[in-house]
Amino acid sequence: MIITAPKSSQDFEQYFHLRWKILRKPWAEPEGSEQDEHENSSYHVMVKDGDKVIGVARLQNIAPGVAQVRYMGIDDDYQGKGIGRLMMQHIETYARDSNIDEIFLHARENALGFYIALGYKQLKKSYLLFNSIQHYKMNKKI
C-alpha cells in the first residue's frame, strides 16, 4: 500500500469515484455531489493498493494555522485494517510541515470512536447530513 496525493487525471478520477461511492451513493446522491469549490485549493490524500484506490481524504486550509479534514472514507473491503489511522497520521504530518497547529473535522456519529482514539476532542453536535447522518465537530492541536 502507498499513501500519496493524487497526481494524474486517472488518480483524481478514481479518488473522486471512491469518495462518491462511500460518502454519497448510499444516500442516492449523484456522482459529482462529492466535490465542492475547494478542491483545487486543498491537499488531497489517497491510499492505493496496487492500482486500486482504497482510501481518500482532503485537508482544507480554513484560517492561518487551522485546517479541516473532509471527505474521508475507506473502501468497505479495507475498513478495520488501520488504513484510516495511517491516512490521519499522514495528514497530521503534512499539516505540521505546513505550519498548521489545529485540525478540526465534522465526524459522522459512527466514526467518533475512531477520531477519539487518535486524540481528537468532541466539541459539539454539528449538523445532520441527508436528514439522517448526525455529525459532531471535533478538533486536535497538533
Protein backbone atom coordinates (compact mmCIF):
# COMPACT_ATOMS: atom_id res chain seq x y z
CA MET A 1 0.00 0.00 0.00
CA ILE A 2 1.07 3.55 -0.69
CA ILE A 3 -0.21 6.86 0.73
CA THR A 4 0.17 9.71 -1.74
CA ALA A 5 -1.52 12.73 -3.22
CA PRO A 6 -3.40 12.09 -6.48
CA LYS A 7 -1.21 13.23 -9.36
CA SER A 8 -2.77 12.25 -12.67
CA SER A 9 -6.25 12.75 -14.04
CA GLN A 10 -6.75 8.98 -13.67
CA ASP A 11 -5.76 9.22 -9.98
CA PHE A 12 -8.28 12.00 -9.43
CA GLU A 13 -10.98 10.10 -11.31
CA GLN A 14 -10.51 7.07 -9.03
CA TYR A 15 -10.17 9.31 -5.97
CA PHE A 16 -13.45 11.14 -6.57
CA HIS A 17 -15.26 7.94 -7.57
CA LEU A 18 -14.37 6.25 -4.27
CA ARG A 19 -15.35 9.39 -2.36
CA TRP A 20 -18.76 9.34 -4.06
CA LYS A 21 -19.20 5.57 -3.64
CA ILE A 22 -18.59 5.73 0.13
CA LEU A 23 -19.94 9.12 1.13
CA ARG A 24 -22.77 9.89 -1.32
CA LYS A 25 -24.02 6.85 -3.26
CA PRO A 26 -25.64 5.10 -0.24
CA TRP A 27 -27.98 8.12 0.03
CA ALA A 28 -28.76 8.17 -3.71
CA GLU A 29 -26.76 11.35 -4.28
CA PRO A 30 -25.49 11.84 -7.84
CA GLU A 31 -21.87 11.37 -8.84
CA GLY A 32 -20.33 14.83 -8.71
CA SER A 33 -22.00 15.68 -5.40
CA GLU A 34 -18.81 14.53 -3.62
CA GLN A 35 -16.94 17.60 -4.93
CA ASP A 36 -17.09 21.27 -3.98
CA GLU A 37 -15.50 24.60 -4.83
CA HIS A 38 -12.43 23.99 -2.60
CA GLU A 39 -10.95 21.02 -4.47
CA ASN A 40 -8.21 23.00 -6.24
CA SER A 41 -7.04 24.75 -3.07
CA SER A 42 -6.94 21.67 -0.79
CA TYR A 43 -4.45 18.90 -0.10
CA HIS A 44 -5.78 15.50 -1.23
CA VAL A 45 -4.61 12.17 0.15
CA MET A 46 -5.30 8.71 -1.19
CA VAL A 47 -4.23 5.20 -0.33
CA LYS A 48 -3.63 2.76 -3.15
CA ASP A 49 -3.37 -1.00 -3.01
CA GLY A 50 -1.67 -1.72 -6.32
CA ASP A 51 -3.72 0.24 -8.87
CA LYS A 52 -6.85 0.39 -6.71
CA VAL A 53 -7.69 3.49 -4.65
CA ILE A 54 -8.90 2.24 -1.26
CA GLY A 55 -8.86 5.38 0.89
CA VAL A 56 -9.42 9.10 0.39
CA ALA A 57 -9.35 12.31 2.44
CA ARG A 58 -8.90 16.02 1.98
CA LEU A 59 -7.25 18.69 4.13
CA GLN A 60 -8.59 22.19 3.57
CA ASN A 61 -6.98 25.34 4.97
CA ILE A 62 -9.58 27.36 6.85
CA ALA A 63 -7.53 30.11 8.52
CA PRO A 64 -3.86 30.68 9.31
CA GLY A 65 -2.74 27.65 11.32
CA VAL A 66 -6.13 25.90 11.06
CA ALA A 67 -7.28 23.22 8.62
CA GLN A 68 -10.24 20.89 8.26
CA VAL A 69 -10.28 17.22 7.31
CA ARG A 70 -13.16 16.50 4.95
CA TYR A 71 -14.43 13.69 2.77
CA MET A 72 -12.54 10.89 4.50
CA GLY A 73 -13.51 7.38 3.51
CA ILE A 74 -12.10 3.86 3.27
CA ASP A 75 -13.34 1.20 0.85
CA ASP A 76 -15.62 -1.23 2.70
CA ASP A 77 -13.33 -4.19 1.96
CA TYR A 78 -10.41 -2.44 3.69
CA GLN A 79 -12.07 -0.99 6.81
CA GLY A 80 -10.75 -2.03 10.19
CA LYS A 81 -7.21 -2.62 8.89
CA GLY A 82 -5.53 0.58 10.15
CA ILE A 83 -5.70 2.45 6.85
CA GLY A 84 -7.67 5.35 8.29
CA ARG A 85 -5.14 5.73 11.11
CA LEU A 86 -2.27 5.80 8.58
CA MET A 87 -4.08 8.41 6.49
CA MET A 88 -4.68 10.64 9.51
CA GLN A 89 -1.02 10.31 10.58
CA HIS A 90 -0.02 11.34 7.05
CA ILE A 91 -2.41 14.30 7.13
CA GLU A 92 -1.17 15.43 10.55
CA THR A 93 2.47 15.24 9.41
CA TYR A 94 1.63 17.26 6.29
CA ALA A 95 -0.26 19.78 8.44
CA ARG A 96 2.66 20.23 10.89
CA ASP A 97 5.05 20.66 7.95
CA SER A 98 2.65 23.31 6.59
CA ASN A 99 2.57 25.31 9.86
CA ILE A 100 -0.91 24.12 10.78
CA ASP A 101 -1.31 23.62 14.51
CA GLU A 102 -5.01 22.76 14.74
CA ILE A 103 -7.11 20.35 12.73
CA PHE A 104 -10.85 20.12 13.03
CA LEU A 105 -13.44 17.96 11.36
CA HIS A 106 -17.11 17.00 11.44
CA ALA A 107 -17.25 13.29 12.18
CA ARG A 108 -20.16 11.03 11.46
CA GLU A 109 -21.55 9.56 14.64
CA ASN A 110 -20.27 6.08 13.76
CA ALA A 111 -16.70 7.43 13.45
CA LEU A 112 -16.48 9.23 16.80
CA GLY A 113 -14.57 6.40 18.50
CA PHE A 114 -12.03 6.31 15.66
CA TYR A 115 -11.21 10.01 15.98
CA ILE A 116 -11.24 9.98 19.79
CA ALA A 117 -8.67 7.14 19.70
CA LEU A 118 -6.49 9.43 17.53
CA GLY A 119 -6.64 12.22 20.12
CA TYR A 120 -9.45 14.34 18.69
CA LYS A 121 -11.83 16.00 21.14
CA GLN A 122 -15.56 16.02 20.59
CA LEU A 123 -16.71 19.65 20.82
CA LYS A 124 -20.40 19.64 19.93
CA LYS A 125 -23.13 18.17 17.78
CA SER A 126 -22.84 19.97 14.46
CA TYR A 127 -25.18 19.06 11.60
CA LEU A 128 -27.44 16.36 10.22
CA LEU A 129 -26.49 15.28 6.68
CA PHE A 130 -29.21 13.95 4.36
CA ASN A 131 -31.65 14.17 7.30
CA SER A 132 -30.11 11.01 8.74
CA ILE A 133 -26.37 11.23 9.47
CA GLN A 134 -25.51 13.10 12.65
CA HIS A 135 -22.12 14.82 12.63
CA TYR A 136 -20.04 16.11 15.54
CA LYS A 137 -17.42 18.85 15.45
CA MET A 138 -14.05 17.65 16.73
CA ASN A 139 -10.57 19.14 16.93
CA LYS A 140 -6.99 18.35 17.78
CA LYS A 141 -4.00 20.59 18.45
CA ILE A 142 -1.01 19.12 16.66
